[in-house]
Amino acid sequence: MDKTSIIKTKPNGFIISAFDSDCGKTTITNMLLSVCTQKNILLQSYKIGADIFDPHSHCQYSNEVSLNL
């Protein structure tokens, strides 16, 4: 793939991450899910790890099931 095709490619997702826990990742994620849902933007949230609380809150803010990777 040459540089021009990389520049023209539109992103279809992003990752919210941090170096530590309790940094606000879930808060930011839930805010984004809420705004996208209000604007009828289709989305799918994912969670990495054994946390059961984040997927539940993702569902509350997006009305969609959050998948665990």
Protein backbone atom coordinates (compact mmCIF):
# COMPACT_ATOMS: atom_id res chain seq x y z
CA MET A 1 0.00 0.00 0.00
CA ASP A 2 1.48 3.37 -0.97
CA LYS A 3 1.27 6.58 1.09
CA THR A 4 -1.57 8.09 -0.96
CA SER A 5 -3.91 5.18 -0.28
CA ILE A 6 -3.14 5.36 3.44
CA ILE A 7 -4.02 9.07 3.51
CA LYS A 8 -7.30 8.49 1.65
CA THR A 9 -8.37 5.64 3.93
CA LYS A 10 -11.00 6.69 6.46
CA PRO A 11 -10.73 5.23 9.97
CA ASN A 12 -13.59 2.97 10.98
CA GLY A 13 -12.84 2.76 14.68
CA PHE A 14 -10.65 3.88 17.53
CA ILE A 15 -9.36 2.67 20.89
CA ILE A 16 -9.61 4.41 24.23
CA SER A 17 -6.72 3.37 26.44
CA ALA A 18 -4.61 4.56 29.36
CA PHE A 19 -1.55 3.52 31.33
CA ASP A 20 -3.45 2.75 34.53
CA SER A 21 -6.88 2.00 35.94
CA ASP A 22 -9.12 4.77 37.30
CA CYS A 23 -8.05 7.16 34.54
CA GLY A 24 -11.56 7.81 33.18
CA LYS A 25 -11.63 5.39 30.22
CA THR A 26 -15.12 4.14 31.07
CA THR A 27 -16.42 7.67 31.64
CA ILE A 28 -15.11 8.88 28.27
CA THR A 29 -16.42 5.74 26.54
CA ASN A 30 -19.88 6.12 28.05
CA MET A 31 -20.01 9.80 27.07
CA LEU A 32 -19.09 8.97 23.48
CA LEU A 33 -21.58 6.09 23.36
CA SER A 34 -24.33 8.36 24.67
CA VAL A 35 -23.63 11.15 22.16
CA CYS A 36 -23.41 8.72 19.23
CA THR A 37 -26.65 7.04 20.25
CA GLN A 38 -28.44 10.39 20.53
CA LYS A 39 -27.23 11.28 17.02
CA ASN A 40 -28.30 7.87 15.64
CA ILE A 41 -24.72 6.92 14.80
CA LEU A 42 -24.39 3.16 14.57
CA LEU A 43 -21.59 1.79 16.71
CA GLN A 44 -20.30 -1.29 18.48
CA SER A 45 -18.38 -1.14 21.74
CA TYR A 46 -15.88 -3.73 22.87
CA LYS A 47 -14.14 -4.50 26.15
CA ILE A 48 -10.88 -6.31 26.73
CA GLY A 49 -10.62 -8.16 30.02
CA ALA A 50 -12.73 -9.81 32.66
CA ASP A 51 -14.55 -6.68 33.85
CA ILE A 52 -18.32 -7.22 34.03
CA PHE A 53 -19.25 -3.64 34.93
CA ASP A 54 -17.97 -1.82 31.83
CA PRO A 55 -19.92 -3.90 29.30
CA HIS A 56 -23.07 -3.38 31.36
CA SER A 57 -22.58 0.40 31.40
CA HIS A 58 -21.76 0.40 27.67
CA CYS A 59 -25.12 -1.28 27.07
CA GLN A 60 -26.92 1.33 29.18
CA TYR A 61 -25.46 4.21 27.15
CA SER A 62 -25.65 2.68 23.67
CA ASN A 63 -28.63 0.29 23.86
CA GLU A 64 -26.36 -2.35 22.30
CA VAL A 65 -24.55 -5.31 23.80
CA SER A 66 -20.86 -4.66 24.41
CA LEU A 67 -18.66 -7.49 23.21
CA ASN A 68 -15.67 -8.77 25.15
CA LEU A 69 -12.54 -9.42 23.12
